[in-house]
N, C-alpha and C. Protein backbone atom coordinates (compact mmCIF):
# COMPACT_ATOMS: atom_id res chain seq x y z
N MET A 1 -11.78 122.18 -72.58
CA MET A 1 -12.18 121.26 -71.56
C MET A 1 -13.66 121.44 -71.30
N ASP A 2 -14.39 120.34 -71.10
CA ASP A 2 -15.79 120.44 -70.72
C ASP A 2 -15.88 121.21 -69.42
N ALA A 3 -16.89 122.06 -69.32
CA ALA A 3 -17.08 122.80 -68.08
C ALA A 3 -17.47 121.84 -66.97
N PRO A 4 -16.79 121.91 -65.83
CA PRO A 4 -17.19 121.06 -64.72
C PRO A 4 -18.52 121.52 -64.16
N PRO A 5 -19.17 120.65 -63.43
CA PRO A 5 -20.41 121.09 -62.79
C PRO A 5 -20.11 122.27 -61.88
N PRO A 6 -21.12 123.10 -61.61
CA PRO A 6 -20.88 124.26 -60.75
C PRO A 6 -20.35 123.80 -59.38
N TYR A 7 -19.44 124.60 -58.83
CA TYR A 7 -18.89 124.27 -57.52
C TYR A 7 -19.76 124.91 -56.46
N VAL A 8 -20.61 124.11 -55.88
CA VAL A 8 -21.50 124.55 -54.80
C VAL A 8 -21.10 123.78 -53.55
N ASP A 9 -21.94 123.76 -52.57
CA ASP A 9 -21.59 123.12 -51.30
C ASP A 9 -21.89 121.63 -51.27
N GLU A 10 -22.01 120.99 -52.41
CA GLU A 10 -22.19 119.55 -52.43
C GLU A 10 -20.94 118.92 -53.01
N PHE A 11 -20.45 117.91 -52.30
CA PHE A 11 -19.24 117.24 -52.73
C PHE A 11 -19.52 115.76 -52.83
N ARG A 12 -18.77 115.09 -53.68
CA ARG A 12 -18.94 113.65 -53.87
C ARG A 12 -17.90 112.92 -53.02
N PRO A 13 -18.34 112.14 -52.02
CA PRO A 13 -17.38 111.37 -51.23
C PRO A 13 -16.64 110.35 -52.10
N VAL A 14 -15.37 110.16 -51.77
CA VAL A 14 -14.52 109.21 -52.49
C VAL A 14 -13.98 108.21 -51.46
N PRO A 15 -14.44 106.95 -51.50
CA PRO A 15 -13.99 106.00 -50.49
C PRO A 15 -12.51 105.61 -50.62
N ASP A 16 -11.94 105.70 -51.82
CA ASP A 16 -10.54 105.34 -52.03
C ASP A 16 -9.93 106.33 -53.01
N VAL A 17 -9.14 107.27 -52.50
CA VAL A 17 -8.62 108.35 -53.33
C VAL A 17 -7.72 107.83 -54.46
N LEU A 18 -6.90 106.82 -54.19
CA LEU A 18 -6.01 106.32 -55.24
C LEU A 18 -6.79 105.66 -56.37
N ALA A 19 -7.82 104.89 -56.03
CA ALA A 19 -8.64 104.26 -57.07
C ALA A 19 -9.37 105.33 -57.88
N HIS A 20 -9.84 106.37 -57.22
CA HIS A 20 -10.58 107.44 -57.90
C HIS A 20 -9.69 108.21 -58.87
N LEU A 21 -8.46 108.50 -58.46
CA LEU A 21 -7.59 109.34 -59.29
C LEU A 21 -6.92 108.60 -60.44
N ALA A 22 -6.83 107.28 -60.36
CA ALA A 22 -6.13 106.51 -61.40
C ALA A 22 -6.69 106.84 -62.78
N GLY A 23 -5.78 107.03 -63.74
CA GLY A 23 -6.18 107.31 -65.11
C GLY A 23 -5.62 108.63 -65.62
N ARG A 24 -6.21 109.13 -66.71
CA ARG A 24 -5.75 110.37 -67.35
C ARG A 24 -6.78 111.47 -67.16
N TRP A 25 -6.27 112.67 -66.95
CA TRP A 25 -7.11 113.85 -66.69
C TRP A 25 -6.64 115.02 -67.55
N ARG A 26 -7.57 115.80 -68.05
CA ARG A 26 -7.25 117.09 -68.66
C ARG A 26 -7.13 118.10 -67.52
N VAL A 27 -6.16 119.00 -67.65
CA VAL A 27 -5.86 119.92 -66.56
C VAL A 27 -5.91 121.36 -67.07
N GLU A 28 -6.61 122.21 -66.34
CA GLU A 28 -6.59 123.66 -66.59
C GLU A 28 -6.33 124.35 -65.27
N ARG A 29 -5.28 125.17 -65.24
CA ARG A 29 -4.90 125.85 -64.00
C ARG A 29 -4.76 127.34 -64.27
N THR A 30 -5.30 128.14 -63.38
CA THR A 30 -5.04 129.57 -63.40
C THR A 30 -4.15 129.89 -62.21
N VAL A 31 -3.21 130.80 -62.44
CA VAL A 31 -2.31 131.28 -61.39
C VAL A 31 -2.51 132.78 -61.32
N LEU A 32 -2.95 133.25 -60.17
CA LEU A 32 -3.19 134.67 -59.98
C LEU A 32 -2.25 135.19 -58.90
N ASP A 33 -1.44 136.18 -59.27
CA ASP A 33 -0.59 136.87 -58.31
C ASP A 33 -1.47 137.96 -57.69
N LEU A 34 -1.87 137.75 -56.44
CA LEU A 34 -2.81 138.67 -55.79
C LEU A 34 -2.19 140.03 -55.51
N ALA A 35 -0.87 140.09 -55.43
CA ALA A 35 -0.20 141.38 -55.18
C ALA A 35 -0.15 142.24 -56.43
N SER A 36 0.21 141.64 -57.57
CA SER A 36 0.40 142.42 -58.79
C SER A 36 -0.81 142.38 -59.72
N GLY A 37 -1.66 141.36 -59.57
CA GLY A 37 -2.78 141.17 -60.48
C GLY A 37 -2.42 140.37 -61.72
N ASP A 38 -1.15 140.00 -61.86
CA ASP A 38 -0.74 139.19 -63.02
C ASP A 38 -1.43 137.83 -62.97
N GLU A 39 -1.77 137.33 -64.17
CA GLU A 39 -2.42 136.03 -64.27
C GLU A 39 -1.69 135.15 -65.25
N GLY A 40 -1.59 133.88 -64.91
CA GLY A 40 -1.01 132.89 -65.80
C GLY A 40 -1.99 131.75 -65.99
N ARG A 41 -1.65 130.90 -66.96
CA ARG A 41 -2.54 129.79 -67.27
C ARG A 41 -1.72 128.58 -67.69
N PHE A 42 -2.11 127.41 -67.16
CA PHE A 42 -1.51 126.14 -67.56
C PHE A 42 -2.61 125.29 -68.17
N GLU A 43 -2.32 124.67 -69.31
CA GLU A 43 -3.23 123.71 -69.93
C GLU A 43 -2.42 122.49 -70.30
N GLY A 44 -2.94 121.32 -69.93
CA GLY A 44 -2.20 120.11 -70.24
C GLY A 44 -2.95 118.86 -69.83
N VAL A 45 -2.20 117.82 -69.59
CA VAL A 45 -2.77 116.53 -69.18
C VAL A 45 -1.99 116.01 -67.98
N ALA A 46 -2.67 115.18 -67.23
CA ALA A 46 -2.05 114.52 -66.09
C ALA A 46 -2.44 113.06 -66.12
N ALA A 47 -1.49 112.22 -65.75
CA ALA A 47 -1.76 110.79 -65.67
C ALA A 47 -1.38 110.30 -64.29
N PHE A 48 -2.29 109.55 -63.67
CA PHE A 48 -2.02 108.85 -62.42
C PHE A 48 -1.86 107.38 -62.80
N GLY A 49 -0.63 106.90 -62.81
CA GLY A 49 -0.38 105.52 -63.19
C GLY A 49 0.41 104.80 -62.12
N PRO A 50 0.46 103.48 -62.21
CA PRO A 50 1.19 102.71 -61.19
C PRO A 50 2.66 103.11 -61.15
N MET A 51 3.17 103.22 -59.95
CA MET A 51 4.61 103.44 -59.80
C MET A 51 5.29 102.12 -60.08
N SER A 52 6.48 102.18 -60.63
CA SER A 52 7.16 100.94 -60.94
C SER A 52 8.58 100.96 -60.40
N THR A 53 9.09 99.77 -60.23
CA THR A 53 10.48 99.59 -59.87
C THR A 53 11.12 98.84 -61.02
N GLU A 54 12.38 98.55 -60.94
CA GLU A 54 13.05 97.84 -62.03
C GLU A 54 12.41 96.49 -62.31
N GLY A 55 11.83 95.86 -61.29
CA GLY A 55 11.23 94.54 -61.46
C GLY A 55 9.76 94.56 -61.79
N GLY A 56 9.15 95.74 -61.95
CA GLY A 56 7.72 95.81 -62.26
C GLY A 56 7.03 96.82 -61.37
N PRO A 57 5.71 96.65 -61.17
CA PRO A 57 4.96 97.61 -60.35
C PRO A 57 5.49 97.68 -58.92
N ALA A 58 5.45 98.86 -58.32
CA ALA A 58 5.88 99.03 -56.94
C ALA A 58 4.91 98.30 -56.03
N PRO A 59 5.39 97.67 -54.98
CA PRO A 59 4.54 96.84 -54.13
C PRO A 59 3.59 97.62 -53.24
N ASP A 60 3.78 98.94 -53.08
CA ASP A 60 2.94 99.69 -52.14
C ASP A 60 1.60 100.14 -52.72
N GLY A 61 1.37 99.94 -54.01
CA GLY A 61 0.09 100.33 -54.60
C GLY A 61 -0.05 101.81 -54.86
N GLY A 62 1.04 102.56 -54.79
CA GLY A 62 0.98 104.00 -55.02
C GLY A 62 0.83 104.34 -56.49
N LEU A 63 0.58 105.62 -56.74
CA LEU A 63 0.44 106.12 -58.10
C LEU A 63 1.49 107.20 -58.36
N LEU A 64 1.99 107.22 -59.58
CA LEU A 64 2.89 108.28 -60.02
C LEU A 64 2.05 109.28 -60.81
N TYR A 65 2.09 110.55 -60.39
CA TYR A 65 1.37 111.63 -61.04
C TYR A 65 2.34 112.34 -61.97
N SER A 66 2.05 112.33 -63.27
CA SER A 66 2.88 113.00 -64.26
C SER A 66 2.02 114.02 -64.98
N GLU A 67 2.41 115.29 -64.90
CA GLU A 67 1.65 116.38 -65.51
C GLU A 67 2.54 117.06 -66.54
N SER A 68 1.98 117.36 -67.71
CA SER A 68 2.73 118.09 -68.71
C SER A 68 1.78 118.95 -69.53
N GLY A 69 2.30 120.07 -70.01
CA GLY A 69 1.49 120.97 -70.81
C GLY A 69 2.23 122.27 -71.06
N MET A 70 1.46 123.32 -71.32
CA MET A 70 2.04 124.65 -71.58
C MET A 70 1.57 125.62 -70.51
N PHE A 71 2.54 126.37 -69.98
CA PHE A 71 2.25 127.40 -68.99
C PHE A 71 2.53 128.75 -69.62
N THR A 72 1.54 129.63 -69.57
CA THR A 72 1.68 130.98 -70.14
C THR A 72 1.67 131.98 -68.99
N TRP A 73 2.74 132.79 -68.92
CA TRP A 73 2.86 133.81 -67.89
C TRP A 73 3.37 135.09 -68.55
N GLN A 74 2.66 136.18 -68.36
CA GLN A 74 3.00 137.47 -68.94
C GLN A 74 3.23 137.37 -70.44
N GLY A 75 2.35 136.61 -71.11
CA GLY A 75 2.38 136.48 -72.56
C GLY A 75 3.40 135.51 -73.11
N VAL A 76 4.18 134.87 -72.26
CA VAL A 76 5.20 133.93 -72.73
C VAL A 76 4.76 132.50 -72.38
N ALA A 77 4.65 131.66 -73.41
CA ALA A 77 4.25 130.26 -73.21
C ALA A 77 5.50 129.37 -73.16
N ARG A 78 5.53 128.48 -72.18
CA ARG A 78 6.66 127.56 -72.02
C ARG A 78 6.13 126.18 -71.67
N PRO A 79 6.82 125.13 -72.10
CA PRO A 79 6.45 123.79 -71.65
C PRO A 79 6.67 123.67 -70.14
N ALA A 80 5.79 122.95 -69.48
CA ALA A 80 5.91 122.76 -68.03
C ALA A 80 5.51 121.34 -67.69
N GLU A 81 6.16 120.81 -66.67
CA GLU A 81 5.81 119.46 -66.22
C GLU A 81 6.16 119.32 -64.75
N ARG A 82 5.51 118.36 -64.10
CA ARG A 82 5.86 118.02 -62.73
C ARG A 82 5.44 116.59 -62.46
N THR A 83 6.09 116.02 -61.47
CA THR A 83 5.83 114.64 -61.08
C THR A 83 5.67 114.60 -59.57
N LEU A 84 4.64 113.88 -59.12
CA LEU A 84 4.40 113.67 -57.69
C LEU A 84 4.17 112.18 -57.46
N ARG A 85 4.36 111.77 -56.23
CA ARG A 85 4.09 110.39 -55.85
C ARG A 85 2.91 110.37 -54.88
N PHE A 86 1.88 109.61 -55.20
CA PHE A 86 0.71 109.45 -54.34
C PHE A 86 0.79 108.05 -53.73
N LEU A 87 1.11 107.99 -52.44
CA LEU A 87 1.27 106.72 -51.74
C LEU A 87 0.05 106.45 -50.87
N PRO A 88 -0.21 105.19 -50.53
CA PRO A 88 -1.31 104.92 -49.60
C PRO A 88 -1.09 105.70 -48.30
N GLY A 89 -2.17 106.29 -47.79
CA GLY A 89 -2.09 107.10 -46.58
C GLY A 89 -2.14 106.28 -45.31
N ALA A 90 -2.14 106.98 -44.20
CA ALA A 90 -2.15 106.34 -42.88
C ALA A 90 -3.48 105.64 -42.61
N ARG A 91 -4.57 106.15 -43.19
CA ARG A 91 -5.89 105.53 -43.02
C ARG A 91 -6.35 104.99 -44.36
N PRO A 92 -7.12 103.90 -44.36
CA PRO A 92 -7.61 103.33 -45.63
C PRO A 92 -8.32 104.39 -46.47
N GLY A 93 -8.04 104.37 -47.77
CA GLY A 93 -8.70 105.27 -48.71
C GLY A 93 -8.06 106.63 -48.84
N THR A 94 -7.01 106.92 -48.07
CA THR A 94 -6.36 108.23 -48.12
C THR A 94 -5.01 108.12 -48.83
N ALA A 95 -4.37 109.26 -49.05
CA ALA A 95 -3.07 109.27 -49.74
C ALA A 95 -2.08 110.14 -49.00
N ASP A 96 -0.82 109.78 -49.13
CA ASP A 96 0.32 110.54 -48.66
C ASP A 96 1.01 111.05 -49.92
N VAL A 97 0.90 112.34 -50.19
CA VAL A 97 1.43 112.91 -51.43
C VAL A 97 2.85 113.40 -51.17
N ARG A 98 3.76 113.01 -52.08
CA ARG A 98 5.17 113.36 -51.95
C ARG A 98 5.69 113.94 -53.26
N PHE A 99 6.72 114.76 -53.14
CA PHE A 99 7.39 115.26 -54.32
C PHE A 99 8.09 114.09 -55.01
N ALA A 100 8.54 114.30 -56.22
CA ALA A 100 9.18 113.23 -56.99
C ALA A 100 10.39 112.65 -56.27
N ASP A 101 11.09 113.48 -55.49
CA ASP A 101 12.29 113.01 -54.79
C ASP A 101 11.97 112.36 -53.44
N GLY A 102 10.69 112.23 -53.10
CA GLY A 102 10.29 111.55 -51.88
C GLY A 102 10.01 112.46 -50.69
N ARG A 103 10.33 113.76 -50.81
CA ARG A 103 10.02 114.67 -49.69
C ARG A 103 8.51 114.78 -49.50
N PRO A 104 8.04 114.89 -48.24
CA PRO A 104 6.60 115.02 -47.98
C PRO A 104 6.04 116.31 -48.57
N PHE A 105 4.83 116.21 -49.14
CA PHE A 105 4.12 117.38 -49.64
C PHE A 105 2.87 117.60 -48.77
N HIS A 106 1.89 116.70 -48.87
CA HIS A 106 0.68 116.85 -48.06
C HIS A 106 -0.06 115.52 -48.01
N ASP A 107 -1.01 115.44 -47.09
CA ASP A 107 -1.88 114.28 -47.03
C ASP A 107 -3.14 114.61 -47.83
N LEU A 108 -3.93 113.58 -48.15
CA LEU A 108 -5.14 113.79 -48.94
C LEU A 108 -6.19 112.77 -48.53
N ASP A 109 -7.32 113.28 -48.07
CA ASP A 109 -8.43 112.44 -47.62
C ASP A 109 -9.71 112.99 -48.25
N LEU A 110 -10.22 112.29 -49.26
CA LEU A 110 -11.42 112.76 -49.96
C LEU A 110 -12.66 111.95 -49.57
N THR A 111 -12.62 111.29 -48.41
CA THR A 111 -13.77 110.46 -48.02
C THR A 111 -15.04 111.27 -47.82
N SER A 112 -14.92 112.58 -47.59
CA SER A 112 -16.11 113.44 -47.50
C SER A 112 -16.34 114.20 -48.81
N GLY A 113 -15.40 114.09 -49.75
CA GLY A 113 -15.49 114.83 -51.01
C GLY A 113 -14.81 116.18 -50.96
N ARG A 114 -14.34 116.57 -49.79
CA ARG A 114 -13.66 117.87 -49.62
C ARG A 114 -12.57 117.71 -48.58
N TYR A 115 -11.41 118.35 -48.82
CA TYR A 115 -10.32 118.23 -47.86
C TYR A 115 -9.47 119.49 -47.91
N VAL A 116 -9.02 119.94 -46.74
CA VAL A 116 -8.13 121.10 -46.63
C VAL A 116 -6.85 120.64 -45.96
N THR A 117 -5.71 121.06 -46.50
CA THR A 117 -4.42 120.66 -45.96
C THR A 117 -3.43 121.81 -46.11
N ASP A 118 -2.35 121.74 -45.36
CA ASP A 118 -1.30 122.76 -45.41
C ASP A 118 0.03 122.14 -45.79
N HIS A 119 0.89 122.96 -46.40
CA HIS A 119 2.27 122.57 -46.67
C HIS A 119 3.16 123.77 -46.38
N PRO A 120 3.86 123.75 -45.23
CA PRO A 120 4.81 124.83 -44.97
C PRO A 120 6.07 124.64 -45.81
N CYS A 121 6.54 125.70 -46.42
CA CYS A 121 7.73 125.63 -47.28
C CYS A 121 8.58 126.85 -46.99
N ALA A 122 9.65 126.66 -46.22
CA ALA A 122 10.51 127.76 -45.78
C ALA A 122 9.62 128.83 -45.15
N ALA A 123 9.65 130.06 -45.66
CA ALA A 123 8.85 131.14 -45.06
C ALA A 123 7.43 131.21 -45.63
N ASP A 124 7.10 130.33 -46.56
CA ASP A 124 5.79 130.36 -47.21
C ASP A 124 4.86 129.30 -46.62
N LEU A 125 3.56 129.53 -46.74
CA LEU A 125 2.57 128.54 -46.36
C LEU A 125 1.66 128.30 -47.55
N TYR A 126 1.55 127.04 -47.94
CA TYR A 126 0.64 126.61 -48.99
C TYR A 126 -0.57 125.99 -48.31
N ARG A 127 -1.77 126.51 -48.57
CA ARG A 127 -2.99 125.91 -48.03
C ARG A 127 -3.82 125.43 -49.22
N GLY A 128 -4.07 124.13 -49.25
CA GLY A 128 -4.79 123.52 -50.36
C GLY A 128 -6.17 123.05 -49.97
N GLU A 129 -7.12 123.27 -50.87
CA GLU A 129 -8.48 122.74 -50.70
C GLU A 129 -8.80 121.90 -51.93
N PHE A 130 -9.22 120.67 -51.68
CA PHE A 130 -9.55 119.71 -52.73
C PHE A 130 -11.03 119.41 -52.65
N THR A 131 -11.71 119.46 -53.80
CA THR A 131 -13.14 119.15 -53.84
C THR A 131 -13.43 118.24 -55.02
N VAL A 132 -14.30 117.28 -54.78
CA VAL A 132 -14.72 116.34 -55.83
C VAL A 132 -16.16 116.67 -56.18
N ARG A 133 -16.41 116.95 -57.47
CA ARG A 133 -17.76 117.28 -57.92
C ARG A 133 -18.53 116.03 -58.31
N ASP A 134 -17.88 115.14 -59.06
CA ASP A 134 -18.51 113.90 -59.52
C ASP A 134 -17.38 112.96 -59.92
N ALA A 135 -17.72 111.84 -60.51
CA ALA A 135 -16.71 110.83 -60.84
C ALA A 135 -15.66 111.34 -61.83
N ASP A 136 -15.99 112.40 -62.57
CA ASP A 136 -15.11 112.85 -63.64
C ASP A 136 -14.57 114.27 -63.49
N HIS A 137 -14.85 114.94 -62.37
CA HIS A 137 -14.40 116.32 -62.18
C HIS A 137 -13.98 116.54 -60.73
N TRP A 138 -12.81 117.15 -60.56
CA TRP A 138 -12.39 117.57 -59.24
C TRP A 138 -11.54 118.82 -59.36
N ARG A 139 -11.31 119.48 -58.24
CA ARG A 139 -10.60 120.77 -58.26
C ARG A 139 -9.65 120.84 -57.07
N SER A 140 -8.53 121.51 -57.30
CA SER A 140 -7.66 121.90 -56.18
C SER A 140 -7.46 123.40 -56.24
N VAL A 141 -7.46 124.02 -55.07
CA VAL A 141 -7.21 125.45 -54.95
C VAL A 141 -6.12 125.62 -53.90
N TRP A 142 -4.99 126.19 -54.32
CA TRP A 142 -3.89 126.44 -53.39
C TRP A 142 -3.75 127.95 -53.20
N ARG A 143 -3.72 128.38 -51.95
CA ARG A 143 -3.41 129.77 -51.59
C ARG A 143 -2.00 129.75 -51.04
N VAL A 144 -1.12 130.52 -51.64
CA VAL A 144 0.28 130.54 -51.25
C VAL A 144 0.61 131.92 -50.71
N GLY A 145 1.04 131.96 -49.46
CA GLY A 145 1.38 133.23 -48.85
C GLY A 145 2.75 133.18 -48.19
N GLY A 146 3.44 134.29 -48.26
CA GLY A 146 4.75 134.39 -47.63
C GLY A 146 5.31 135.78 -47.88
N PRO A 147 6.54 135.99 -47.47
CA PRO A 147 7.13 137.32 -47.62
C PRO A 147 7.19 137.80 -49.07
N ALA A 148 7.38 136.89 -50.02
CA ALA A 148 7.50 137.30 -51.42
C ALA A 148 6.42 136.69 -52.30
N LYS A 149 5.43 136.01 -51.70
CA LYS A 149 4.41 135.33 -52.50
C LYS A 149 3.02 135.64 -51.96
N ASP A 150 2.10 135.87 -52.88
CA ASP A 150 0.69 136.00 -52.56
C ASP A 150 -0.07 135.50 -53.78
N LEU A 151 -0.22 134.18 -53.87
CA LEU A 151 -0.73 133.55 -55.08
C LEU A 151 -1.99 132.75 -54.81
N LEU A 152 -2.80 132.60 -55.85
CA LEU A 152 -3.96 131.73 -55.82
C LEU A 152 -3.88 130.86 -57.07
N LEU A 153 -3.77 129.54 -56.87
CA LEU A 153 -3.68 128.58 -57.97
C LEU A 153 -4.93 127.71 -57.95
N THR A 154 -5.71 127.77 -59.01
CA THR A 154 -6.95 127.00 -59.11
C THR A 154 -6.81 126.04 -60.27
N THR A 155 -6.95 124.74 -59.98
CA THR A 155 -6.77 123.71 -61.00
C THR A 155 -8.03 122.88 -61.11
N ASP A 156 -8.56 122.78 -62.33
CA ASP A 156 -9.71 121.93 -62.60
C ASP A 156 -9.24 120.71 -63.40
N TYR A 157 -9.73 119.55 -62.98
CA TYR A 157 -9.40 118.28 -63.62
C TYR A 157 -10.66 117.67 -64.19
N ALA A 158 -10.58 117.20 -65.43
CA ALA A 158 -11.69 116.48 -66.07
C ALA A 158 -11.13 115.17 -66.61
N ARG A 159 -11.75 114.07 -66.24
CA ARG A 159 -11.28 112.75 -66.65
C ARG A 159 -11.36 112.62 -68.16
N GLU A 160 -10.29 112.07 -68.76
CA GLU A 160 -10.31 111.75 -70.18
C GLU A 160 -10.97 110.38 -70.34
N CYS A 161 -11.81 110.27 -71.33
CA CYS A 161 -12.50 108.99 -71.55
C CYS A 161 -11.63 108.03 -72.31
């Protein structure tokens, strides 16, 4: 993957998150277990495409996020994939991110180029920070803490041409 621009304190505002994310992205993710020091890596692709119903595109203008690739943990590589739904948010230009089954995940507002959000999950708390570097590079960093988890997941996205 091309190296993204350095992550400094300058962010690129995004007036419409769904329009910005639409398309295909190369994905590189590191997963660090802060308690044990174990590290994993995911490499793959992600596509943000129109959600569809049996009769054609979904009327709400949302995007279906489909990610697939290989995840390597403790020397073992396995295929991995996930699907999320990015729906129009409560305010223009924002998104309501949901799991594939429709359960709420988090909101997303990149109008300043940077956004922090939380997702409580049982006894764990996921805190995500999203930053946009330029039209073709963005990053998410999730810190996951709980009784049995202490993880840092850093994902870099580079737009495929």
